[in-house]
C-alpha atoms as a PDB file:
ATOM      1  CA  UNK A   1      12.180  -2.193  29.473  1.00  0.00           C
ATOM      2  CA  UNK A   2       9.540   0.765  30.316  1.00  0.00           C
ATOM      3  CA  UNK A   3       5.800  -0.023  30.257  1.00  0.00           C
ATOM      4  CA  UNK A   4       2.464   1.858  30.065  1.00  0.00           C
ATOM      5  CA  UNK A   5       0.364   1.175  32.393  1.00  0.00           C
ATOM      6  CA  UNK A   6      -2.331  -1.372  32.247  1.00  0.00           C
ATOM      7  CA  UNK A   7      -5.626  -0.783  30.490  1.00  0.00           C
ATOM      8  CA  UNK A   8      -9.117  -1.163  31.135  1.00  0.00           C
ATOM      9  CA  UNK A   9     -12.549  -0.990  29.966  1.00  0.00           C
ATOM     10  CA  UNK A  10     -13.343   3.100  30.130  1.00  0.00           C
ATOM     11  CA  UNK A  11      -9.463   3.794  29.493  1.00  0.00           C
ATOM     12  CA  UNK A  12      -9.343   6.913  26.504  1.00  0.00           C
ATOM     13  CA  UNK A  13      -7.708   5.533  23.409  1.00  0.00           C
ATOM     14  CA  UNK A  14      -6.911   8.182  20.885  1.00  0.00           C
ATOM     15  CA  UNK A  15      -6.786   7.177  17.209  1.00  0.00           C
ATOM     16  CA  UNK A  16      -3.958   8.246  14.726  1.00  0.00           C
ATOM     17  CA  UNK A  17      -3.436   8.336  11.124  1.00  0.00           C
ATOM     18  CA  UNK A  18       0.354   7.896  10.908  1.00  0.00           C
ATOM     19  CA  UNK A  19       0.662   6.862   7.471  1.00  0.00           C
ATOM     20  CA  UNK A  20      -2.316   6.431   5.267  1.00  0.00           C
ATOM     21  CA  UNK A  21      -5.580   8.435   5.164  1.00  0.00           C
ATOM     22  CA  UNK A  22      -7.807   5.558   4.658  1.00  0.00           C
ATOM     23  CA  UNK A  23     -10.373   6.789   6.804  1.00  0.00           C
ATOM     24  CA  UNK A  24     -11.097  10.071   4.455  1.00  0.00           C
ATOM     25  CA  UNK A  25     -11.856   7.536   2.044  1.00  0.00           C
ATOM     26  CA  UNK A  26     -13.765   4.461   3.400  1.00  0.00           C
ATOM     27  CA  UNK A  27     -15.398   6.460   6.597  1.00  0.00           C
ATOM     28  CA  UNK A  28     -17.984   3.471   7.192  1.00  0.00           C
ATOM     29  CA  UNK A  29     -15.593   0.684   7.947  1.00  0.00           C
ATOM     30  CA  UNK A  30     -13.383   3.364   9.889  1.00  0.00           C
ATOM     31  CA  UNK A  31     -16.573   3.678  11.990  1.00  0.00           C
ATOM     32  CA  UNK A  32     -17.683   0.142  12.785  1.00  0.00           C
ATOM     33  CA  UNK A  33     -13.905  -0.405  13.935  1.00  0.00           C
ATOM     34  CA  UNK A  34     -14.381   2.671  16.493  1.00  0.00           C
ATOM     35  CA  UNK A  35     -18.367   1.365  17.333  1.00  0.00           C
ATOM     36  CA  UNK A  36     -16.008  -1.803  18.450  1.00  0.00           C
ATOM     37  CA  UNK A  37     -13.534  -0.573  20.163  1.00  0.00           C
ATOM     38  CA  UNK A  38     -16.088   1.291  22.616  1.00  0.00           C
ATOM     39  CA  UNK A  39     -18.752  -1.387  22.342  1.00  0.00           C
ATOM     40  CA  UNK A  40     -16.748  -4.485  22.533  1.00  0.00           C
ATOM     41  CA  UNK A  41     -13.647  -3.313  24.274  1.00  0.00           C
ATOM     42  CA  UNK A  42     -15.512  -0.657  26.086  1.00  0.00           C
ATOM     43  CA  UNK A  43     -12.871   2.109  25.666  1.00  0.00           C
ATOM     44  CA  UNK A  44     -13.748   5.840  25.186  1.00  0.00           C
ATOM     45  CA  UNK A  45     -12.665   6.898  21.825  1.00  0.00           C
ATOM     46  CA  UNK A  46     -10.721  10.054  20.766  1.00  0.00           C
ATOM     47  CA  UNK A  47     -10.214  11.211  17.291  1.00  0.00           C
ATOM     48  CA  UNK A  48      -6.875  13.266  16.505  1.00  0.00           C
ATOM     49  CA  UNK A  49      -6.890  16.183  14.214  1.00  0.00           C
ATOM     50  CA  UNK A  50      -5.313  14.150  11.728  1.00  0.00           C
ATOM     51  CA  UNK A  51      -7.121  10.876  12.193  1.00  0.00           C
ATOM     52  CA  UNK A  52      -9.932  11.505   9.112  1.00  0.00           C
ATOM     53  CA  UNK A  53      -7.598  13.778   7.070  1.00  0.00           C
ATOM     54  CA  UNK A  54      -7.643  13.441   3.573  1.00  0.00           C
ATOM     55  CA  UNK A  55      -4.477  10.862   1.693  1.00  0.00           C
ATOM     56  CA  UNK A  56      -3.020  14.167   0.184  1.00  0.00           C
ATOM     57  CA  UNK A  57      -3.168  16.279   2.924  1.00  0.00           C
ATOM     58  CA  UNK A  58      -1.307  13.448   5.196  1.00  0.00           C
ATOM     59  CA  UNK A  59       1.137  12.360   3.009  1.00  0.00           C
ATOM     60  CA  UNK A  60       2.092  16.432   2.957  1.00  0.00           C
ATOM     61  CA  UNK A  61       2.089  16.992   6.690  1.00  0.00           C
ATOM     62  CA  UNK A  62       4.427  14.058   8.367  1.00  0.00           C
ATOM     63  CA  UNK A  63       5.241  16.916  11.316  1.00  0.00           C
ATOM     64  CA  UNK A  64       1.276  17.128  12.003  1.00  0.00           C
ATOM     65  CA  UNK A  65       0.873  13.291  12.075  1.00  0.00           C
ATOM     66  CA  UNK A  66       3.933  13.273  14.758  1.00  0.00           C
ATOM     67  CA  UNK A  67       2.096  16.158  16.356  1.00  0.00           C
ATOM     68  CA  UNK A  68      -0.557  13.881  16.930  1.00  0.00           C
ATOM     69  CA  UNK A  69       1.284  11.802  18.518  1.00  0.00           C
ATOM     70  CA  UNK A  70       3.432  13.723  20.535  1.00  0.00           C
ATOM     71  CA  UNK A  71       0.344  15.572  21.806  1.00  0.00           C
ATOM     72  CA  UNK A  72      -1.376  11.785  22.761  1.00  0.00           C
ATOM     73  CA  UNK A  73       1.886  11.261  25.055  1.00  0.00           C
ATOM     74  CA  UNK A  74       1.980  14.324  26.727  1.00  0.00           C
ATOM     75  CA  UNK A  75      -2.189  14.599  27.296  1.00  0.00           C
ATOM     76  CA  UNK A  76      -2.185  13.406  30.676  1.00  0.00           C
ATOM     77  CA  UNK A  77      -6.148  11.961  30.074  1.00  0.00           C
ATOM     78  CA  UNK A  78      -5.264  10.137  27.261  1.00  0.00           C
ATOM     79  CA  UNK A  79      -4.290   6.055  28.502  1.00  0.00           C
ATOM     80  CA  UNK A  80      -3.540   4.870  24.843  1.00  0.00           C
ATOM     81  CA  UNK A  81      -3.095   5.065  20.807  1.00  0.00           C
ATOM     82  CA  UNK A  82      -4.316   2.587  18.488  1.00  0.00           C
ATOM     83  CA  UNK A  83      -3.567   3.383  14.387  1.00  0.00           C
ATOM     84  CA  UNK A  84      -6.480   3.987  11.706  1.00  0.00           C
ATOM     85  CA  UNK A  85      -4.252   1.690   9.249  1.00  0.00           C
ATOM     86  CA  UNK A  86      -1.114   1.786   7.975  1.00  0.00           C
ATOM     87  CA  UNK A  87       0.350   2.888   4.616  1.00  0.00           C
ATOM     88  CA  UNK A  88       3.926   2.738   3.480  1.00  0.00           C
ATOM     89  CA  UNK A  89       5.342   6.194   4.398  1.00  0.00           C
ATOM     90  CA  UNK A  90       5.639   6.535   8.408  1.00  0.00           C
ATOM     91  CA  UNK A  91       8.972   6.559   8.449  1.00  0.00           C
ATOM     92  CA  UNK A  92       8.645  10.272   7.622  1.00  0.00           C
ATOM     93  CA  UNK A  93       7.597  10.976  10.971  1.00  0.00           C
ATOM     94  CA  UNK A  94      10.164   9.508  13.055  1.00  0.00           C
ATOM     95  CA  UNK A  95      12.250  12.582  12.923  1.00  0.00           C
ATOM     96  CA  UNK A  96       9.320  14.816  14.579  1.00  0.00           C
ATOM     97  CA  UNK A  97       8.438  12.436  17.243  1.00  0.00           C
ATOM     98  CA  UNK A  98       9.185  13.983  20.935  1.00  0.00           C
ATOM     99  CA  UNK A  99      11.010  10.737  21.912  1.00  0.00           C
ATOM    100  CA  UNK A 100      11.712  11.987  24.976  1.00  0.00           C
ATOM    101  CA  UNK A 101       8.738  12.818  26.016  1.00  0.00           C
ATOM    102  CA  UNK A 102       6.988   9.700  24.963  1.00  0.00           C
ATOM    103  CA  UNK A 103       9.979   7.459  26.997  1.00  0.00           C
ATOM    104  CA  UNK A 104       8.619   9.796  30.082  1.00  0.00           C
ATOM    105  CA  UNK A 105       5.107   9.128  29.964  1.00  0.00           C
ATOM    106  CA  UNK A 106       4.865   5.756  28.114  1.00  0.00           C
ATOM    107  CA  UNK A 107       1.836   4.711  26.780  1.00  0.00           C
ATOM    108  CA  UNK A 108       0.394   2.115  25.213  1.00  0.00           C
ATOM    109  CA  UNK A 109       0.468   2.243  21.176  1.00  0.00           C
ATOM    110  CA  UNK A 110      -0.688   0.047  18.834  1.00  0.00           C
ATOM    111  CA  UNK A 111      -0.394  -0.749  15.016  1.00  0.00           C
ATOM    112  CA  UNK A 112       1.118  -3.059  12.672  1.00  0.00           C
ATOM    113  CA  UNK A 113       1.868  -3.104   8.960  1.00  0.00           C
ATOM    114  CA  UNK A 114       3.465   0.537   8.417  1.00  0.00           C
ATOM    115  CA  UNK A 115       3.249   1.728  12.161  1.00  0.00           C
ATOM    116  CA  UNK A 116       6.308  -1.061  12.459  1.00  0.00           C
ATOM    117  CA  UNK A 117       8.339   2.133  11.648  1.00  0.00           C
ATOM    118  CA  UNK A 118       7.380   3.954  15.371  1.00  0.00           C
ATOM    119  CA  UNK A 119       6.806   0.765  17.512  1.00  0.00           C
ATOM    120  CA  UNK A 120      10.317  -0.820  16.342  1.00  0.00           C
ATOM    121  CA  UNK A 121      12.124   2.377  16.909  1.00  0.00           C
ATOM    122  CA  UNK A 122      10.172   3.317  20.505  1.00  0.00           C
ATOM    123  CA  UNK A 123      11.261  -0.052  21.691  1.00  0.00           C
ATOM    124  CA  UNK A 124      14.826   0.518  20.810  1.00  0.00           C
ATOM    125  CA  UNK A 125      14.385   3.540  23.044  1.00  0.00           C
ATOM    126  CA  UNK A 126      13.145   1.262  25.720  1.00  0.00           C
ATOM    127  CA  UNK A 127       9.511   1.437  25.720  1.00  0.00           C
ATOM    128  CA  UNK A 128       6.911  -2.014  25.084  1.00  0.00           C
ATOM    129  CA  UNK A 129       5.205  -1.017  22.071  1.00  0.00           C
ATOM    130  CA  UNK A 130       1.896  -3.217  20.765  1.00  0.00           C
ATOM    131  CA  UNK A 131       2.024  -5.002  17.435  1.00  0.00           C
ATOM    132  CA  UNK A 132      -1.424  -5.601  16.900  1.00  0.00           C
ATOM    133  CA  UNK A 133      -4.771  -4.549  14.823  1.00  0.00           C
ATOM    134  CA  UNK A 134      -5.703  -1.413  13.832  1.00  0.00           C
ATOM    135  CA  UNK A 135      -9.042   0.280  13.555  1.00  0.00           C
ATOM    136  CA  UNK A 136     -10.031  -0.600  10.127  1.00  0.00           C
ATOM    137  CA  UNK A 137      -7.962  -3.666   9.705  1.00  0.00           C
ATOM    138  CA  UNK A 138      -9.137  -6.595  12.934  1.00  0.00           C
ATOM    139  CA  UNK A 139     -11.030  -4.303  15.268  1.00  0.00           C
ATOM    140  CA  UNK A 140     -13.465  -3.438  12.459  1.00  0.00           C
ATOM    141  CA  UNK A 141     -14.258  -7.082  11.598  1.00  0.00           C
ATOM    142  CA  UNK A 142     -14.307  -8.265  15.297  1.00  0.00           C
ATOM    143  CA  UNK A 143     -18.079  -9.409  15.079  1.00  0.00           C
ATOM    144  CA  UNK A 144     -17.466 -11.584  11.979  1.00  0.00           C
ATOM    145  CA  UNK A 145     -14.229 -13.360  13.216  1.00  0.00           C
ATOM    146  CA  UNK A 146     -13.933 -16.388  15.948  1.00  0.00           C
ATOM    147  CA  UNK A 147     -14.720 -15.246  19.148  1.00  0.00           C
ATOM    148  CA  UNK A 148     -11.476 -16.401  20.145  1.00  0.00           C
ATOM    149  CA  UNK A 149      -9.847 -13.672  19.018  1.00  0.00           C
ATOM    150  CA  UNK A 150     -12.170 -10.898  21.283  1.00  0.00           C
ATOM    151  CA  UNK A 151     -11.050 -13.352  24.268  1.00  0.00           C
ATOM    152  CA  UNK A 152      -7.190 -12.863  23.175  1.00  0.00           C
ATOM    153  CA  UNK A 153      -7.591  -9.308  23.103  1.00  0.00           C
ATOM    154  CA  UNK A 154      -9.228  -9.024  26.604  1.00  0.00           C
ATOM    155  CA  UNK A 155      -6.497 -11.130  28.052  1.00  0.00           C
ATOM    156  CA  UNK A 156      -3.598  -9.219  26.479  1.00  0.00           C
ATOM    157  CA  UNK A 157      -5.380  -6.046  27.347  1.00  0.00           C
ATOM    158  CA  UNK A 158      -7.206  -6.567  30.324  1.00  0.00           C
ATOM    159  CA  UNK A 159      -6.311  -9.372  32.078  1.00  0.00           C
ATOM    160  CA  UNK A 160      -3.633  -9.802  34.571  1.00  0.00           C
ATOM    161  CA  UNK A 161      -2.588 -13.989  33.890  1.00  0.00           C
ATOM    162  CA  UNK A 162       1.054 -14.253  32.524  1.00  0.00           C
ATOM    163  CA  UNK A 163       2.365 -16.287  32.006  1.00  0.00           C
ATOM    164  CA  UNK A 164       0.114 -16.219  28.897  1.00  0.00           C
ATOM    165  CA  UNK A 165      -0.070 -19.285  25.719  1.00  0.00           C
ATOM    166  CA  UNK A 166      -0.450 -17.817  22.550  1.00  0.00           C
ATOM    167  CA  UNK A 167      -3.359 -20.562  21.419  1.00  0.00           C
ATOM    168  CA  UNK A 168      -3.478 -20.764  17.426  1.00  0.00           C
ATOM    169  CA  UNK A 169      -6.852 -19.680  15.944  1.00  0.00           C
ATOM    170  CA  UNK A 170      -9.427 -22.365  14.744  1.00  0.00           C
ATOM    171  CA  UNK A 171     -10.036 -20.770  11.053  1.00  0.00           C
ATOM    172  CA  UNK A 172      -8.555 -17.552   9.315  1.00  0.00           C
ATOM    173  CA  UNK A 173      -8.807 -15.021   6.396  1.00  0.00           C
ATOM    174  CA  UNK A 174      -6.327 -13.486   3.847  1.00  0.00           C
ATOM    175  CA  UNK A 175      -8.754 -10.407   3.769  1.00  0.00           C
ATOM    176  CA  UNK A 176     -12.081  -8.554   3.852  1.00  0.00           C
ATOM    177  CA  UNK A 177     -14.693  -8.116   1.783  1.00  0.00           C
ATOM    178  CA  UNK A 178     -15.360  -4.825  -0.620  1.00  0.00           C
ATOM    179  CA  UNK A 179     -15.401  -1.860   2.040  1.00  0.00           C
ATOM    180  CA  UNK A 180     -17.659   0.264  -0.254  1.00  0.00           C
ATOM    181  CA  UNK A 181     -20.383  -2.389  -0.028  1.00  0.00           C
ATOM    182  CA  UNK A 182     -22.456  -1.421   3.084  1.00  0.00           C
ATOM    183  CA  UNK A 183     -24.335  -5.238   2.426  1.00  0.00           C
ATOM    184  CA  UNK A 184     -20.915  -6.944   4.291  1.00  0.00           C
ATOM    185  CA  UNK A 185     -18.882  -4.251   5.961  1.00  0.00           C
ATOM    186  CA  UNK A 186     -16.916  -5.912   8.313  1.00  0.00           C
ATOM    187  CA  UNK A 187     -17.031  -9.401   6.820  1.00  0.00           C
ATOM    188  CA  UNK A 188     -13.793 -11.178   5.814  1.00  0.00           C
ATOM    189  CA  UNK A 189     -13.458 -12.919   2.730  1.00  0.00           C
ATOM    190  CA  UNK A 190     -13.166 -16.751   2.696  1.00  0.00           C
ATOM    191  CA  UNK A 191     -12.260 -18.351   5.686  1.00  0.00           C
ATOM    192  CA  UNK A 192     -10.068 -21.781   5.999  1.00  0.00           C
ATOM    193  CA  UNK A 193      -9.313 -24.053   9.279  1.00  0.00           C
ATOM    194  CA  UNK A 194      -6.426 -23.542  10.834  1.00  0.00           C
ATOM    195  CA  UNK A 195      -6.084 -27.265  10.995  1.00  0.00           C
ATOM    196  CA  UNK A 196      -2.166 -27.514  11.707  1.00  0.00           C
ATOM    197  CA  UNK A 197      -1.590 -24.426  13.376  1.00  0.00           C
ATOM    198  CA  UNK A 198       2.315 -22.962  13.507  1.00  0.00           C
ATOM    199  CA  UNK A 199       5.110 -24.933  12.826  1.00  0.00           C
ATOM    200  CA  UNK A 200       8.699 -25.306  13.868  1.00  0.00           C
ATOM    201  CA  UNK A 201      11.035 -25.731  11.504  1.00  0.00           C
ATOM    202  CA  UNK A 202      13.722 -26.058  13.368  1.00  0.00           C
ATOM    203  CA  UNK A 203      14.890 -26.000  17.182  1.00  0.00           C
ATOM    204  CA  UNK A 204      15.138 -28.933  19.949  1.00  0.00           C
ATOM    205  CA  UNK A 205      15.133 -26.769  22.567  1.00  0.00           C
ATOM    206  CA  UNK A 206      13.280 -24.710  24.666  1.00  0.00           C
ATOM    207  CA  UNK A 207      14.698 -20.513  24.159  1.00  0.00           C
ATOM    208  CA  UNK A 208      13.811 -17.557  25.649  1.00  0.00           C
ATOM    209  CA  UNK A 209      13.970 -13.281  24.470  1.00  0.00           C
ATOM    210  CA  UNK A 210      12.230 -10.481  23.975  1.00  0.00           C
ATOM    211  CA  UNK A 211      10.291  -9.683  21.178  1.00  0.00           C
ATOM    212  CA  UNK A 212      11.163  -7.366  18.200  1.00  0.00           C
ATOM    213  CA  UNK A 213      10.129  -7.295  14.330  1.00  0.00           C
ATOM    214  CA  UNK A 214       7.137  -6.244  12.110  1.00  0.00           C
ATOM    215  CA  UNK A 215       6.369  -6.039   9.020  1.00  0.00           C
ATOM    216  CA  UNK A 216       9.777  -7.542   6.817  1.00  0.00           C
ATOM    217  CA  UNK A 217       9.542  -5.079   4.035  1.00  0.00           C
ATOM    218  CA  UNK A 218       8.784  -2.001   6.136  1.00  0.00           C
ATOM    219  CA  UNK A 219      11.980  -2.904   8.408  1.00  0.00           C
ATOM    220  CA  UNK A 220      13.827  -2.404   5.356  1.00  0.00           C
ATOM    221  CA  UNK A 221      12.978   1.246   4.968  1.00  0.00           C
ATOM    222  CA  UNK A 222      14.913   1.805   8.464  1.00  0.00           C
ATOM    223  CA  UNK A 223      18.080  -0.502   7.789  1.00  0.00           C
ATOM    224  CA  UNK A 224      21.548   2.137   7.783  1.00  0.00           C
ATOM    225  CA  UNK A 225      19.197   4.679   9.051  1.00  0.00           C
ATOM    226  CA  UNK A 226      19.819   6.381  12.591  1.00  0.00           C
ATOM    227  CA  UNK A 227      16.331   4.912  13.655  1.00  0.00           C
ATOM    228  CA  UNK A 228      18.228   1.281  13.242  1.00  0.00           C
ATOM    229  CA  UNK A 229      18.784  -0.610  15.935  1.00  0.00           C
ATOM    230  CA  UNK A 230      22.577  -1.101  17.035  1.00  0.00           C
ATOM    231  CA  UNK A 231      24.469  -3.665  16.938  1.00  0.00           C
ATOM    232  CA  UNK A 232      24.211  -3.948  20.849  1.00  0.00           C
ATOM    233  CA  UNK A 233      20.410  -4.061  20.888  1.00  0.00           C
ATOM    234  CA  UNK A 234      19.552  -8.006  19.148  1.00  0.00           C
ATOM    235  CA  UNK A 235      21.540 -10.026  21.761  1.00  0.00           C
ATOM    236  CA  UNK A 236      18.469 -12.140  23.136  1.00  0.00           C
ATOM    237  CA  UNK A 237      15.806 -10.905  20.837  1.00  0.00           C
ATOM    238  CA  UNK A 238      13.249 -13.034  19.483  1.00  0.00           C
ATOM    239  CA  UNK A 239      12.758 -11.414  15.508  1.00  0.00           C
ATOM    240  CA  UNK A 240       8.962 -11.718  14.189  1.00  0.00           C
ATOM    241  CA  UNK A 241       8.416 -10.748  10.853  1.00  0.00           C
ATOM    242  CA  UNK A 242       5.469 -11.027   8.428  1.00  0.00           C
ATOM    243  CA  UNK A 243       4.898  -9.581   4.731  1.00  0.00           C
ATOM    244  CA  UNK A 244       2.146  -7.155   3.935  1.00  0.00           C
ATOM    245  CA  UNK A 245      -0.274  -7.718   0.895  1.00  0.00           C
ATOM    246  CA  UNK A 246       2.206  -6.452  -1.674  1.00  0.00           C
ATOM    247  CA  UNK A 247       3.378 -10.107  -1.227  1.00  0.00           C
ATOM    248  CA  UNK A 248       7.038 -10.437  -1.823  1.00  0.00           C
ATOM    249  CA  UNK A 249       7.945 -13.518  -3.677  1.00  0.00           C
ATOM    250  CA  UNK A 250       9.664 -15.970  -1.287  1.00  0.00           C
ATOM    251  CA  UNK A 251      13.065 -15.401  -3.087  1.00  0.00           C
ATOM    252  CA  UNK A 252      12.968 -11.494  -1.951  1.00  0.00           C
ATOM    253  CA  UNK A 253      12.383 -12.706   1.725  1.00  0.00           C
ATOM    254  CA  UNK A 254      14.989 -14.475   1.757  1.00  0.00           C
ATOM    255  CA  UNK A 255      17.035 -11.440   0.034  1.00  0.00           C
ATOM    256  CA  UNK A 256      16.106  -9.123   2.838  1.00  0.00           C
ATOM    257  CA  UNK A 257      16.612 -12.039   5.834  1.00  0.00           C
ATOM    258  CA  UNK A 258      20.352 -12.430   4.473  1.00  0.00           C
ATOM    259  CA  UNK A 259      20.610  -8.759   5.140  1.00  0.00           C
ATOM    260  CA  UNK A 260      20.242  -9.719   8.863  1.00  0.00           C
ATOM    261  CA  UNK A 261      22.641 -12.798   8.610  1.00  0.00           C
ATOM    262  CA  UNK A 262      25.209  -9.944   6.991  1.00  0.00           C
ATOM    263  CA  UNK A 263      25.040  -8.063  10.099  1.00  0.00           C
ATOM    264  CA  UNK A 264      25.737 -10.965  12.388  1.00  0.00           C
ATOM    265  CA  UNK A 265      22.323 -10.856  13.896  1.00  0.00           C
ATOM    266  CA  UNK A 266      21.621 -14.495  13.481  1.00  0.00           C
ATOM    267  CA  UNK A 267      24.135 -15.006  15.957  1.00  0.00           C
ATOM    268  CA  UNK A 268      22.956 -13.385  18.526  1.00  0.00           C
ATOM    269  CA  UNK A 269      19.217 -14.137  18.575  1.00  0.00           C
ATOM    270  CA  UNK A 270      17.532 -16.779  20.361  1.00  0.00           C
ATOM    271  CA  UNK A 271      14.439 -17.246  17.905  1.00  0.00           C
ATOM    272  CA  UNK A 272      12.292 -16.088  14.504  1.00  0.00           C
ATOM    273  CA  UNK A 273       9.181 -16.151  13.976  1.00  0.00           C
ATOM    274  CA  UNK A 274       6.856 -15.890  10.991  1.00  0.00           C
ATOM    275  CA  UNK A 275       3.314 -14.659  10.555  1.00  0.00           C
ATOM    276  CA  UNK A 276       1.314 -16.148   8.205  1.00  0.00           C
ATOM    277  CA  UNK A 277       2.022 -15.316   4.825  1.00  0.00           C
ATOM    278  CA  UNK A 278      -0.933 -13.516   2.966  1.00  0.00           C
ATOM    279  CA  UNK A 279      -2.209 -14.633  -0.361  1.00  0.00           C
ATOM    280  CA  UNK A 280       0.423 -17.253  -0.651  1.00  0.00           C
ATOM    281  CA  UNK A 281       0.296 -20.728  -2.051  1.00  0.00           C
ATOM    282  CA  UNK A 282       0.971 -23.598  -0.388  1.00  0.00           C
ATOM    283  CA  UNK A 283       3.448 -23.979  -3.080  1.00  0.00           C
ATOM    284  CA  UNK A 284       4.721 -20.342  -2.267  1.00  0.00           C
ATOM    285  CA  UNK A 285       4.604 -21.297   1.443  1.00  0.00           C
ATOM    286  CA  UNK A 286       6.860 -24.385   0.803  1.00  0.00           C
ATOM    287  CA  UNK A 287       9.275 -22.436  -0.743  1.00  0.00           C
ATOM    288  CA  UNK A 288       9.818 -19.647   1.485  1.00  0.00           C
ATOM    289  CA  UNK A 289      10.130 -22.335   4.454  1.00  0.00           C
ATOM    290  CA  UNK A 290      12.675 -23.574   2.692  1.00  0.00           C
ATOM    291  CA  UNK A 291      14.440 -20.560   2.134  1.00  0.00           C
ATOM    292  CA  UNK A 292      13.970 -19.191   5.658  1.00  0.00           C
ATOM    293  CA  UNK A 293      15.879 -22.328   6.857  1.00  0.00           C
ATOM    294  CA  UNK A 294      18.402 -22.279   3.484  1.00  0.00           C
ATOM    295  CA  UNK A 295      19.305 -18.718   4.815  1.00  0.00           C
ATOM    296  CA  UNK A 296      19.455 -19.129   8.679  1.00  0.00           C
ATOM    297  CA  UNK A 297      20.552 -21.970   9.122  1.00  0.00           C
ATOM    298  CA  UNK A 298      22.459 -23.129   5.539  1.00  0.00           C
ATOM    299  CA  UNK A 299      24.249 -19.707   4.797  1.00  0.00           C
ATOM    300  CA  UNK A 300      24.318 -17.892   8.397  1.00  0.00           C
ATOM    301  CA  UNK A 301      25.243 -21.075  10.275  1.00  0.00           C
ATOM    302  CA  UNK A 302      22.328 -20.752  13.366  1.00  0.00           C
ATOM    303  CA  UNK A 303      21.594 -24.276  13.503  1.00  0.00           C
ATOM    304  CA  UNK A 304      19.914 -24.148  16.668  1.00  0.00           C
ATOM    305  CA  UNK A 305      17.687 -20.979  17.330  1.00  0.00           C
ATOM    306  CA  UNK A 306      13.889 -21.982  16.750  1.00  0.00           C
ATOM    307  CA  UNK A 307      12.290 -20.856  13.689  1.00  0.00           C
ATOM    308  CA  UNK A 308       8.018 -20.844  14.159  1.00  0.00           C
ATOM    309  CA  UNK A 309       6.118 -20.219  10.814  1.00  0.00           C
ATOM    310  CA  UNK A 310       2.670 -19.806  10.091  1.00  0.00           C
ATOM    311  CA  UNK A 311       1.652 -17.728  13.293  1.00  0.00           C
ATOM    312  CA  UNK A 312      -1.253 -15.894  13.526  1.00  0.00           C
ATOM    313  CA  UNK A 313       0.011 -12.369  13.312  1.00  0.00           C
ATOM    314  CA  UNK A 314       0.153  -9.806  10.217  1.00  0.00           C
ATOM    315  CA  UNK A 315      -1.463  -9.216   7.647  1.00  0.00           C
ATOM    316  CA  UNK A 316      -4.210 -12.288   8.134  1.00  0.00           C
ATOM    317  CA  UNK A 317      -6.749 -12.106  10.323  1.00  0.00           C
ATOM    318  CA  UNK A 318      -7.831 -12.997  13.161  1.00  0.00           C
ATOM    319  CA  UNK A 319      -4.166 -11.562  14.396  1.00  0.00           C
ATOM    320  CA  UNK A 320      -1.949 -12.008  17.979  1.00  0.00           C
ATOM    321  CA  UNK A 321      -1.227  -8.800  19.669  1.00  0.00           C
ATOM    322  CA  UNK A 322       2.489  -9.036  19.983  1.00  0.00           C
ATOM    323  CA  UNK A 323       4.073  -6.782  22.753  1.00  0.00           C
ATOM    324  CA  UNK A 324       7.465  -5.547  21.860  1.00  0.00           C
ATOM    325  CA  UNK A 325      10.453  -6.104  24.484  1.00  0.00           C
ATOM    326  CA  UNK A 326       8.152  -8.508  26.347  1.00  0.00           C
ATOM    327  CA  UNK A 327      10.320 -12.046  26.969  1.00  0.00           C
ATOM    328  CA  UNK A 328       8.619 -14.432  25.357  1.00  0.00           C
ATOM    329  CA  UNK A 329       9.366 -17.999  25.136  1.00  0.00           C
ATOM    330  CA  UNK A 330       9.520 -20.749  21.887  1.00  0.00           C
ATOM    331  CA  UNK A 331       9.190 -24.235  22.517  1.00  0.00           C
ATOM    332  CA  UNK A 332       9.661 -26.951  20.105  1.00  0.00           C
ATOM    333  CA  UNK A 333       9.345 -29.216  22.210  1.00  0.00           C
ATOM    334  CA  UNK A 334       5.783 -28.423  22.707  1.00  0.00           C
ATOM    335  CA  UNK A 335       4.878 -26.813  19.765  1.00  0.00           C
ATOM    336  CA  UNK A 336       4.166 -24.161  22.207  1.00  0.00           C
ATOM    337  CA  UNK A 337       4.897 -19.884  22.152  1.00  0.00           C
ATOM    338  CA  UNK A 338       4.077 -18.116  25.544  1.00  0.00           C
ATOM    339  CA  UNK A 339       4.109 -14.636  26.024  1.00  0.00           C
ATOM    340  CA  UNK A 340       5.857 -15.035  29.914  1.00  0.00           C
ATOM    341  CA  UNK A 341       5.278 -11.253  31.483  1.00  0.00           C
ATOM    342  CA  UNK A 342       2.577  -8.762  31.381  1.00  0.00           C
ATOM    343  CA  UNK A 343       3.568  -5.483  28.906  1.00  0.00           C
ATOM    344  CA  UNK A 344       2.161  -3.808  31.506  1.00  0.00           C
ATOM    345  CA  UNK A 345       3.384  -2.074  34.440  1.00  0.00           C
ATOM    346  CA  UNK A 346       2.057  -2.827  37.896  1.00  0.00           C
END
């Protein structure tokens, strides 16, 4: 894989709005995220042209959004990029990305949810990309999340200590307090004790593979397009999926998974990870687990690969950083998830 150079405190990070214009609508939570990026992580911030653009103007300008990203890869002074927030149609920027420029000048780029489109596409082209918190969703809340979350971010972004063992966070939340209320700005909704951590639904042996995935609904946008992975791509991957705030029904998740089975993907991959489903009841979670196993194992016979659910990434907080393209180990015997290699070039 083509890896970006390692970040450090003082690295110059560009802020992109490749999908939604929420910084325009909620400037206070956006600016709090920028403040944390500077004060807690020590980055220098550069806002790109479209970062605070109105939702309507951004929607009408996929070329401008792509141009912002292209310029970041072209500018030698910029060390990396983080998205302001997600959205629902960043797939429209893909035709305008200068992918040759990007692959020849690899840089750190991180987001989640709708950022799945360009993160997975760039990874298919050979570059390590990062599925993790955005400015408004994850970084703005840093001081109201467990201290282990900040430690995790610094360990993945700055330290050079790999293999790195992911550790379940002690508590988690489904979302945030009203972004228009300055009195609770940056606070989360109710926290729940993470007493059980993640759970392996199947698998008896350790498996290793390269991470690839994102928001399962956004990945549906990409299927049958030229931006979807070729058949040869899936060998030795560990797929990771998570569900959005739109809360697809467990059965709908099953429909999406069945398509992967029909593509023959479950016979090629080394494992499947599911992020904790946002706003699911315990009953809905149990139904989801049942459907996931029934589709992957029951319908397509992939009864040996590890399947692990309720992992700390996606639309609940705090969230892990998962580097697409890096090798990870899933160990059902020890209940461990281990990032085996650095996502950065040494």
